[in-house]
Structures are given as structure tokens and as C-alpha cells.
Amino acid sequence: MLVCWLPETPDTIPENASHRVGIGAFVMNSQREVLVVQEKNGAFKGQGVWKFPTGVANEGEDICTAAIREVKEETGIEAEFVEVLAFR
């Protein structure tokens, strides 16, 4: 981030982003089967809820790399990033 603080007051811009980027990965294999997981921790643990692998991008990590990493962390599956389906 390129910043030049002009006022005569202390610079209050945080060194890093003040928001976290959430990632959800839609993974489909060659048989068109979709990967879903159940949470080991969190609000849905033990509730029988199935969901896409999700997580948070690390500082400086792009969303493509974060999606691949989250799938690997949660399932052990090596995934390939193809495209962004949604951005909000």
C-alpha cells in the first residue's frame, strides 16, 4: 500500500489491512462430484452440516493460493485453482 500522510497529526493508518479475506472453495472432480466437508471446530461442529472448504487468506496471500491451501489443510486433497465464481 502506498500512503503519504499529510496532516500534522499522528499517522493512524494501520500497517496491515484492517479486514480479513474469507475464502470458500468449490471443488469438482472429473466425475463432476463436488467436495464438501464437515467442521471439526466452530459453530457447526457435530451438527451434521456439510459445506464447502472455507478459511481465511493469510496476510499477503492471494485468494487463489488461499483457496488451494484451505482445501489441502481441510482435506489433504491437492486442488487446482481455475476461476473465481463469486466475489463479495
PDB file of N, CA and C in Angstrom:
ATOM      1  N   MET A   1       0.852  -1.168   0.000  1.00  0.00           N
ATOM      2  CA  MET A   1       0.000   0.000   0.000  1.00  0.00           C
ATOM      3  C   MET A   1       0.898   1.231   0.000  1.00  0.00           C
ATOM      4  N   LEU A   2       0.636   2.163  -0.880  1.00  0.00           N
ATOM      5  CA  LEU A   2       1.407   3.399  -0.980  1.00  0.00           C
ATOM      6  C   LEU A   2       0.612   4.505  -0.304  1.00  0.00           C
ATOM      7  N   VAL A   3       1.210   5.123   0.734  1.00  0.00           N
ATOM      8  CA  VAL A   3       0.495   6.124   1.521  1.00  0.00           C
ATOM      9  C   VAL A   3       1.420   7.301   1.817  1.00  0.00           C
ATOM     10  N   CYS A   4       0.865   8.493   1.792  1.00  0.00           N
ATOM     11  CA  CYS A   4       1.578   9.687   2.245  1.00  0.00           C
ATOM     12  C   CYS A   4       0.645  10.429   3.196  1.00  0.00           C
ATOM     13  N   TRP A   5       0.956  10.419   4.483  1.00  0.00           N
ATOM     14  CA  TRP A   5       0.111  11.053   5.493  1.00  0.00           C
ATOM     15  C   TRP A   5       0.435  12.540   5.532  1.00  0.00           C
ATOM     16  N   LEU A   6      -0.532  13.423   5.232  1.00  0.00           N
ATOM     17  CA  LEU A   6      -0.280  14.853   5.110  1.00  0.00           C
ATOM     18  C   LEU A   6      -0.547  15.675   6.372  1.00  0.00           C
ATOM     19  N   PRO A   7      -1.553  15.378   7.177  1.00  0.00           N
ATOM     20  CA  PRO A   7      -1.845  16.227   8.339  1.00  0.00           C
ATOM     21  C   PRO A   7      -0.683  16.269   9.343  1.00  0.00           C
ATOM     22  N   GLU A   8      -0.734  17.262  10.228  1.00  0.00           N
ATOM     23  CA  GLU A   8       0.271  17.407  11.284  1.00  0.00           C
ATOM     24  C   GLU A   8      -0.058  16.538  12.497  1.00  0.00           C
ATOM     25  N   THR A   9      -0.948  15.589  12.324  1.00  0.00           N
ATOM     26  CA  THR A   9      -1.343  14.684  13.412  1.00  0.00           C
ATOM     27  C   THR A   9      -0.693  13.325  13.192  1.00  0.00           C
ATOM     28  N   PRO A  10      -0.691  12.473  14.225  1.00  0.00           N
ATOM     29  CA  PRO A  10      -0.082  11.142  14.068  1.00  0.00           C
ATOM     30  C   PRO A  10      -0.759  10.321  12.966  1.00  0.00           C
ATOM     31  N   ASP A  11       0.035   9.548  12.256  1.00  0.00           N
ATOM     32  CA  ASP A  11      -0.458   8.645  11.205  1.00  0.00           C
ATOM     33  C   ASP A  11      -1.222   7.503  11.866  1.00  0.00           C
ATOM     34  N   THR A  12      -2.498   7.367  11.540  1.00  0.00           N
ATOM     35  CA  THR A  12      -3.331   6.318  12.152  1.00  0.00           C
ATOM     36  C   THR A  12      -3.691   5.205  11.177  1.00  0.00           C
ATOM     37  N   ILE A  13      -3.066   5.193  10.014  1.00  0.00           N
ATOM     38  CA  ILE A  13      -3.337   4.125   9.047  1.00  0.00           C
ATOM     39  C   ILE A  13      -2.638   2.858   9.521  1.00  0.00           C
ATOM     40  N   PRO A  14      -3.360   1.740   9.634  1.00  0.00           N
ATOM     41  CA  PRO A  14      -2.726   0.502  10.109  1.00  0.00           C
ATOM     42  C   PRO A  14      -1.658   0.007   9.136  1.00  0.00           C
ATOM     43  N   GLU A  15      -0.626  -0.671   9.680  1.00  0.00           N
ATOM     44  CA  GLU A  15       0.440  -1.206   8.840  1.00  0.00           C
ATOM     45  C   GLU A  15      -0.083  -2.269   7.889  1.00  0.00           C
ATOM     46  N   ASN A  16      -1.075  -3.022   8.337  1.00  0.00           N
ATOM     47  CA  ASN A  16      -1.665  -4.076   7.512  1.00  0.00           C
ATOM     48  C   ASN A  16      -3.140  -3.784   7.312  1.00  0.00           C
ATOM     49  N   ALA A  17      -3.749  -4.546   6.444  1.00  0.00           N
ATOM     50  CA  ALA A  17      -5.187  -4.397   6.191  1.00  0.00           C
ATOM     51  C   ALA A  17      -5.968  -4.582   7.485  1.00  0.00           C
ATOM     52  N   SER A  18      -7.075  -3.882   7.601  1.00  0.00           N
ATOM     53  CA  SER A  18      -7.889  -3.971   8.812  1.00  0.00           C
ATOM     54  C   SER A  18      -9.033  -4.970   8.663  1.00  0.00           C
ATOM     55  N   HIS A  19      -9.086  -5.659   7.535  1.00  0.00           N
ATOM     56  CA  HIS A  19     -10.135  -6.645   7.303  1.00  0.00           C
ATOM     57  C   HIS A  19      -9.505  -7.972   6.915  1.00  0.00           C
ATOM     58  N   ARG A  20     -10.238  -9.033   7.129  1.00  0.00           N
ATOM     59  CA  ARG A  20      -9.767 -10.359   6.747  1.00  0.00           C
ATOM     60  C   ARG A  20     -10.538 -10.825   5.525  1.00  0.00           C
ATOM     61  N   VAL A  21      -9.861 -11.529   4.640  1.00  0.00           N
ATOM     62  CA  VAL A  21     -10.487 -12.022   3.416  1.00  0.00           C
ATOM     63  C   VAL A  21     -10.859 -13.482   3.608  1.00  0.00           C
ATOM     64  N   GLY A  22     -12.157 -13.775   3.541  1.00  0.00           N
ATOM     65  CA  GLY A  22     -12.643 -15.146   3.671  1.00  0.00           C
ATOM     66  C   GLY A  22     -12.625 -15.860   2.329  1.00  0.00           C
ATOM     67  N   ILE A  23     -12.369 -17.153   2.384  1.00  0.00           N
ATOM     68  CA  ILE A  23     -12.266 -17.978   1.183  1.00  0.00           C
ATOM     69  C   ILE A  23     -13.234 -19.149   1.298  1.00  0.00           C
ATOM     70  N   GLY A  24     -13.945 -19.434   0.233  1.00  0.00           N
ATOM     71  CA  GLY A  24     -14.746 -20.649   0.121  1.00  0.00           C
ATOM     72  C   GLY A  24     -14.376 -21.329  -1.181  1.00  0.00           C
ATOM     73  N   ALA A  25     -14.070 -22.612  -1.141  1.00  0.00           N
ATOM     74  CA  ALA A  25     -13.596 -23.310  -2.343  1.00  0.00           C
ATOM     75  C   ALA A  25     -14.650 -24.285  -2.858  1.00  0.00           C
ATOM     76  N   PHE A  26     -15.033 -24.118  -4.116  1.00  0.00           N
ATOM     77  CA  PHE A  26     -15.916 -25.059  -4.797  1.00  0.00           C
ATOM     78  C   PHE A  26     -15.011 -25.987  -5.590  1.00  0.00           C
ATOM     79  N   VAL A  27     -14.971 -27.268  -5.198  1.00  0.00           N
ATOM     80  CA  VAL A  27     -14.061 -28.237  -5.819  1.00  0.00           C
ATOM     81  C   VAL A  27     -14.885 -29.331  -6.475  1.00  0.00           C
ATOM     82  N   MET A  28     -14.614 -29.581  -7.771  1.00  0.00           N
ATOM     83  CA  MET A  28     -15.319 -30.628  -8.504  1.00  0.00           C
ATOM     84  C   MET A  28     -14.283 -31.484  -9.228  1.00  0.00           C
ATOM     85  N   ASN A  29     -14.458 -32.813  -9.146  1.00  0.00           N
ATOM     86  CA  ASN A  29     -13.516 -33.711  -9.823  1.00  0.00           C
ATOM     87  C   ASN A  29     -13.990 -34.025 -11.241  1.00  0.00           C
ATOM     88  N   SER A  30     -13.248 -34.887 -11.936  1.00  0.00           N
ATOM     89  CA  SER A  30     -13.566 -35.204 -13.335  1.00  0.00           C
ATOM     90  C   SER A  30     -14.881 -35.965 -13.492  1.00  0.00           C
ATOM     91  N   GLN A  31     -15.382 -36.560 -12.398  1.00  0.00           N
ATOM     92  CA  GLN A  31     -16.689 -37.234 -12.440  1.00  0.00           C
ATOM     93  C   GLN A  31     -17.824 -36.277 -12.045  1.00  0.00           C
ATOM     94  N   ARG A  32     -17.489 -34.980 -11.928  1.00  0.00           N
ATOM     95  CA  ARG A  32     -18.432 -33.920 -11.567  1.00  0.00           C
ATOM     96  C   ARG A  32     -18.978 -34.082 -10.151  1.00  0.00           C
ATOM     97  N   GLU A  33     -18.209 -34.743  -9.286  1.00  0.00           N
ATOM     98  CA  GLU A  33     -18.560 -34.842  -7.873  1.00  0.00           C
ATOM     99  C   GLU A  33     -18.021 -33.599  -7.164  1.00  0.00           C
ATOM    100  N   VAL A  34     -18.831 -33.045  -6.260  1.00  0.00           N
ATOM    101  CA  VAL A  34     -18.460 -31.827  -5.542  1.00  0.00           C
ATOM    102  C   VAL A  34     -17.954 -32.189  -4.150  1.00  0.00           C
ATOM    103  N   LEU A  35     -16.845 -31.560  -3.755  1.00  0.00           N
ATOM    104  CA  LEU A  35     -16.244 -31.801  -2.447  1.00  0.00           C
ATOM    105  C   LEU A  35     -16.954 -30.984  -1.378  1.00  0.00           C
ATOM    106  N   VAL A  36     -17.428 -31.653  -0.334  1.00  0.00           N
ATOM    107  CA  VAL A  36     -17.996 -30.986   0.830  1.00  0.00           C
ATOM    108  C   VAL A  36     -17.353 -31.570   2.080  1.00  0.00           C
ATOM    109  N   VAL A  37     -17.346 -30.781   3.149  1.00  0.00           N
ATOM    110  CA  VAL A  37     -16.709 -31.185   4.402  1.00  0.00           C
ATOM    111  C   VAL A  37     -17.628 -30.879   5.573  1.00  0.00           C
ATOM    112  N   GLN A  38     -17.294 -31.466   6.719  1.00  0.00           N
ATOM    113  CA  GLN A  38     -17.955 -31.111   7.970  1.00  0.00           C
ATOM    114  C   GLN A  38     -16.919 -30.465   8.871  1.00  0.00           C
ATOM    115  N   GLU A  39     -17.322 -29.468   9.647  1.00  0.00           N
ATOM    116  CA  GLU A  39     -16.391 -28.751  10.513  1.00  0.00           C
ATOM    117  C   GLU A  39     -15.927 -29.615  11.673  1.00  0.00           C
ATOM    118  N   LYS A  40     -14.631 -29.507  11.987  1.00  0.00           N
ATOM    119  CA  LYS A  40     -14.076 -30.158  13.171  1.00  0.00           C
ATOM    120  C   LYS A  40     -14.152 -29.222  14.369  1.00  0.00           C
ATOM    121  N   ASN A  41     -14.260 -27.930  14.105  1.00  0.00           N
ATOM    122  CA  ASN A  41     -14.346 -26.897  15.142  1.00  0.00           C
ATOM    123  C   ASN A  41     -15.428 -25.901  14.737  1.00  0.00           C
ATOM    124  N   GLY A  42     -15.811 -25.047  15.653  1.00  0.00           N
ATOM    125  CA  GLY A  42     -16.736 -23.973  15.309  1.00  0.00           C
ATOM    126  C   GLY A  42     -18.186 -24.302  15.588  1.00  0.00           C
ATOM    127  N   ALA A  43     -19.044 -23.397  15.174  1.00  0.00           N
ATOM    128  CA  ALA A  43     -20.474 -23.465  15.480  1.00  0.00           C
ATOM    129  C   ALA A  43     -21.167 -24.690  14.902  1.00  0.00           C
ATOM    130  N   PHE A  44     -20.694 -25.197  13.767  1.00  0.00           N
ATOM    131  CA  PHE A  44     -21.366 -26.322  13.113  1.00  0.00           C
ATOM    132  C   PHE A  44     -20.764 -27.681  13.456  1.00  0.00           C
ATOM    133  N   LYS A  45     -19.776 -27.706  14.355  1.00  0.00           N
ATOM    134  CA  LYS A  45     -19.156 -28.972  14.744  1.00  0.00           C
ATOM    135  C   LYS A  45     -20.214 -29.920  15.319  1.00  0.00           C
ATOM    136  N   GLY A  46     -20.247 -31.141  14.782  1.00  0.00           N
ATOM    137  CA  GLY A  46     -21.167 -32.151  15.295  1.00  0.00           C
ATOM    138  C   GLY A  46     -22.624 -31.934  14.942  1.00  0.00           C
ATOM    139  N   GLN A  47     -22.931 -30.990  14.067  1.00  0.00           N
ATOM    140  CA  GLN A  47     -24.318 -30.672  13.714  1.00  0.00           C
ATOM    141  C   GLN A  47     -24.789 -31.394  12.459  1.00  0.00           C
ATOM    142  N   GLY A  48     -23.892 -32.136  11.796  1.00  0.00           N
ATOM    143  CA  GLY A  48     -24.273 -32.832  10.571  1.00  0.00           C
ATOM    144  C   GLY A  48     -24.376 -31.923   9.360  1.00  0.00           C
ATOM    145  N   VAL A  49     -23.789 -30.732   9.456  1.00  0.00           N
ATOM    146  CA  VAL A  49     -23.850 -29.760   8.366  1.00  0.00           C
ATOM    147  C   VAL A  49     -22.696 -30.005   7.395  1.00  0.00           C
ATOM    148  N   TRP A  50     -22.996 -30.085   6.110  1.00  0.00           N
ATOM    149  CA  TRP A  50     -21.989 -30.229   5.059  1.00  0.00           C
ATOM    150  C   TRP A  50     -21.797 -28.880   4.395  1.00  0.00           C
ATOM    151  N   LYS A  51     -20.542 -28.543   4.081  1.00  0.00           N
ATOM    152  CA  LYS A  51     -20.243 -27.237   3.492  1.00  0.00           C
ATOM    153  C   LYS A  51     -19.011 -27.337   2.604  1.00  0.00           C
ATOM    154  N   PHE A  52     -18.760 -26.287   1.823  1.00  0.00           N
ATOM    155  CA  PHE A  52     -17.530 -26.203   1.041  1.00  0.00           C
ATOM    156  C   PHE A  52     -16.367 -25.925   1.987  1.00  0.00           C
ATOM    157  N   PRO A  53     -15.154 -26.324   1.631  1.00  0.00           N
ATOM    158  CA  PRO A  53     -13.990 -25.945   2.435  1.00  0.00           C
ATOM    159  C   PRO A  53     -13.874 -24.414   2.479  1.00  0.00           C
ATOM    160  N   THR A  54     -13.638 -23.883   3.669  1.00  0.00           N
ATOM    161  CA  THR A  54     -13.557 -22.435   3.849  1.00  0.00           C
ATOM    162  C   THR A  54     -12.383 -22.082   4.743  1.00  0.00           C
ATOM    163  N   GLY A  55     -12.057 -20.812   4.765  1.00  0.00           N
ATOM    164  CA  GLY A  55     -10.996 -20.330   5.639  1.00  0.00           C
ATOM    165  C   GLY A  55     -10.727 -18.863   5.381  1.00  0.00           C
ATOM    166  N   VAL A  56      -9.554 -18.422   5.812  1.00  0.00           N
ATOM    167  CA  VAL A  56      -9.174 -17.022   5.711  1.00  0.00           C
ATOM    168  C   VAL A  56      -7.822 -16.914   5.021  1.00  0.00           C
ATOM    169  N   ALA A  57      -7.691 -15.952   4.115  1.00  0.00           N
ATOM    170  CA  ALA A  57      -6.406 -15.713   3.449  1.00  0.00           C
ATOM    171  C   ALA A  57      -5.410 -15.159   4.460  1.00  0.00           C
ATOM    172  N   ASN A  58      -4.182 -15.642   4.389  1.00  0.00           N
ATOM    173  CA  ASN A  58      -3.116 -15.125   5.239  1.00  0.00           C
ATOM    174  C   ASN A  58      -2.682 -13.753   4.740  1.00  0.00           C
ATOM    175  N   GLU A  59      -1.999 -12.998   5.598  1.00  0.00           N
ATOM    176  CA  GLU A  59      -1.506 -11.679   5.220  1.00  0.00           C
ATOM    177  C   GLU A  59      -0.632 -11.780   3.971  1.00  0.00           C
ATOM    178  N   GLY A  60      -0.973 -11.020   2.935  1.00  0.00           N
ATOM    179  CA  GLY A  60      -0.205 -11.000   1.705  1.00  0.00           C
ATOM    180  C   GLY A  60      -0.495 -12.142   0.743  1.00  0.00           C
ATOM    181  N   GLU A  61      -1.374 -13.065   1.113  1.00  0.00           N
ATOM    182  CA  GLU A  61      -1.685 -14.232   0.280  1.00  0.00           C
ATOM    183  C   GLU A  61      -2.816 -13.899  -0.688  1.00  0.00           C
ATOM    184  N   ASP A  62      -2.671 -14.269  -1.955  1.00  0.00           N
ATOM    185  CA  ASP A  62      -3.760 -14.006  -2.892  1.00  0.00           C
ATOM    186  C   ASP A  62      -4.856 -15.066  -2.729  1.00  0.00           C
ATOM    187  N   ILE A  63      -6.047 -14.752  -3.223  1.00  0.00           N
ATOM    188  CA  ILE A  63      -7.191 -15.632  -2.985  1.00  0.00           C
ATOM    189  C   ILE A  63      -7.047 -16.984  -3.673  1.00  0.00           C
ATOM    190  N   CYS A  64      -6.346 -17.033  -4.789  1.00  0.00           N
ATOM    191  CA  CYS A  64      -6.141 -18.310  -5.493  1.00  0.00           C
ATOM    192  C   CYS A  64      -5.317 -19.260  -4.634  1.00  0.00           C
ATOM    193  N   THR A  65      -4.210 -18.762  -4.122  1.00  0.00           N
ATOM    194  CA  THR A  65      -3.335 -19.560  -3.266  1.00  0.00           C
ATOM    195  C   THR A  65      -4.048 -19.945  -1.978  1.00  0.00           C
ATOM    196  N   ALA A  66      -4.816 -19.020  -1.419  1.00  0.00           N
ATOM    197  CA  ALA A  66      -5.537 -19.291  -0.178  1.00  0.00           C
ATOM    198  C   ALA A  66      -6.565 -20.404  -0.366  1.00  0.00           C
ATOM    199  N   ALA A  67      -7.271 -20.395  -1.476  1.00  0.00           N
ATOM    200  CA  ALA A  67      -8.271 -21.437  -1.739  1.00  0.00           C
ATOM    201  C   ALA A  67      -7.612 -22.811  -1.847  1.00  0.00           C
ATOM    202  N   ILE A  68      -6.514 -22.892  -2.578  1.00  0.00           N
ATOM    203  CA  ILE A  68      -5.791 -24.165  -2.723  1.00  0.00           C
ATOM    204  C   ILE A  68      -5.285 -24.640  -1.363  1.00  0.00           C
ATOM    205  N   ARG A  69      -4.721 -23.720  -0.573  1.00  0.00           N
ATOM    206  CA  ARG A  69      -4.201 -24.068   0.753  1.00  0.00           C
ATOM    207  C   ARG A  69      -5.308 -24.559   1.679  1.00  0.00           C
ATOM    208  N   GLU A  70      -6.441 -23.874   1.687  1.00  0.00           N
ATOM    209  CA  GLU A  70      -7.541 -24.269   2.574  1.00  0.00           C
ATOM    210  C   GLU A  70      -8.062 -25.667   2.230  1.00  0.00           C
ATOM    211  N   VAL A  71      -8.187 -25.980   0.949  1.00  0.00           N
ATOM    212  CA  VAL A  71      -8.628 -27.323   0.547  1.00  0.00           C
ATOM    213  C   VAL A  71      -7.632 -28.359   1.048  1.00  0.00           C
ATOM    214  N   LYS A  72      -6.340 -28.087   0.877  1.00  0.00           N
ATOM    215  CA  LYS A  72      -5.294 -29.022   1.321  1.00  0.00           C
ATOM    216  C   LYS A  72      -5.318 -29.184   2.840  1.00  0.00           C
ATOM    217  N   GLU A  73      -5.440 -28.089   3.576  1.00  0.00           N
ATOM    218  CA  GLU A  73      -5.458 -28.144   5.039  1.00  0.00           C
ATOM    219  C   GLU A  73      -6.651 -28.930   5.563  1.00  0.00           C
ATOM    220  N   GLU A  74      -7.810 -28.728   4.974  1.00  0.00           N
ATOM    221  CA  GLU A  74      -9.028 -29.347   5.496  1.00  0.00           C
ATOM    222  C   GLU A  74      -9.245 -30.773   5.020  1.00  0.00           C
ATOM    223  N   THR A  75      -8.684 -31.123   3.856  1.00  0.00           N
ATOM    224  CA  THR A  75      -9.000 -32.442   3.288  1.00  0.00           C
ATOM    225  C   THR A  75      -7.781 -33.270   2.916  1.00  0.00           C
ATOM    226  N   GLY A  76      -6.622 -32.645   2.766  1.00  0.00           N
ATOM    227  CA  GLY A  76      -5.442 -33.350   2.284  1.00  0.00           C
ATOM    228  C   GLY A  76      -5.419 -33.500   0.773  1.00  0.00           C
ATOM    229  N   ILE A  77      -6.409 -32.939   0.096  1.00  0.00           N
ATOM    230  CA  ILE A  77      -6.531 -33.051  -1.361  1.00  0.00           C
ATOM    231  C   ILE A  77      -5.805 -31.895  -2.041  1.00  0.00           C
ATOM    232  N   GLU A  78      -5.002 -32.234  -3.059  1.00  0.00           N
ATOM    233  CA  GLU A  78      -4.337 -31.219  -3.883  1.00  0.00           C
ATOM    234  C   GLU A  78      -5.343 -30.721  -4.918  1.00  0.00           C
ATOM    235  N   ALA A  79      -5.626 -29.429  -4.903  1.00  0.00           N
ATOM    236  CA  ALA A  79      -6.594 -28.849  -5.837  1.00  0.00           C
ATOM    237  C   ALA A  79      -5.881 -27.902  -6.795  1.00  0.00           C
ATOM    238  N   GLU A  80      -6.555 -27.590  -7.878  1.00  0.00           N
ATOM    239  CA  GLU A  80      -6.051 -26.636  -8.866  1.00  0.00           C
ATOM    240  C   GLU A  80      -7.035 -25.479  -8.941  1.00  0.00           C
ATOM    241  N   PHE A  81      -6.525 -24.260  -8.876  1.00  0.00           N
ATOM    242  CA  PHE A  81      -7.395 -23.097  -8.988  1.00  0.00           C
ATOM    243  C   PHE A  81      -7.718 -22.855 -10.455  1.00  0.00           C
ATOM    244  N   VAL A  82      -9.014 -22.697 -10.776  1.00  0.00           N
ATOM    245  CA  VAL A  82      -9.436 -22.468 -12.158  1.00  0.00           C
ATOM    246  C   VAL A  82      -9.975 -21.055 -12.343  1.00  0.00           C
ATOM    247  N   GLU A  83     -10.923 -20.643 -11.495  1.00  0.00           N
ATOM    248  CA  GLU A  83     -11.506 -19.316 -11.658  1.00  0.00           C
ATOM    249  C   GLU A  83     -12.239 -18.884 -10.402  1.00  0.00           C
ATOM    250  N   VAL A  84     -12.515 -17.587 -10.319  1.00  0.00           N
ATOM    251  CA  VAL A  84     -13.323 -17.027  -9.238  1.00  0.00           C
ATOM    252  C   VAL A  84     -14.784 -17.161  -9.640  1.00  0.00           C
ATOM    253  N   LEU A  85     -15.593 -17.774  -8.768  1.00  0.00           N
ATOM    254  CA  LEU A  85     -17.029 -17.903  -9.045  1.00  0.00           C
ATOM    255  C   LEU A  85     -17.811 -16.710  -8.520  1.00  0.00           C
ATOM    256  N   ALA A  86     -17.372 -16.165  -7.392  1.00  0.00           N
ATOM    257  CA  ALA A  86     -18.062 -15.019  -6.807  1.00  0.00           C
ATOM    258  C   ALA A  86     -17.086 -14.222  -5.959  1.00  0.00           C
ATOM    259  N   PHE A  87     -17.325 -12.929  -5.880  1.00  0.00           N
ATOM    260  CA  PHE A  87     -16.511 -12.051  -5.053  1.00  0.00           C
ATOM    261  C   PHE A  87     -17.456 -11.068  -4.405  1.00  0.00           C
ATOM    262  N   ARG A  88     -17.388 -10.953  -3.074  1.00  0.00           N
ATOM    263  CA  ARG A  88     -18.333 -10.078  -2.384  1.00  0.00           C
ATOM    264  C   ARG A  88     -17.600  -9.201  -1.419  1.00  0.00           C
TER     265      ARG A  88
END
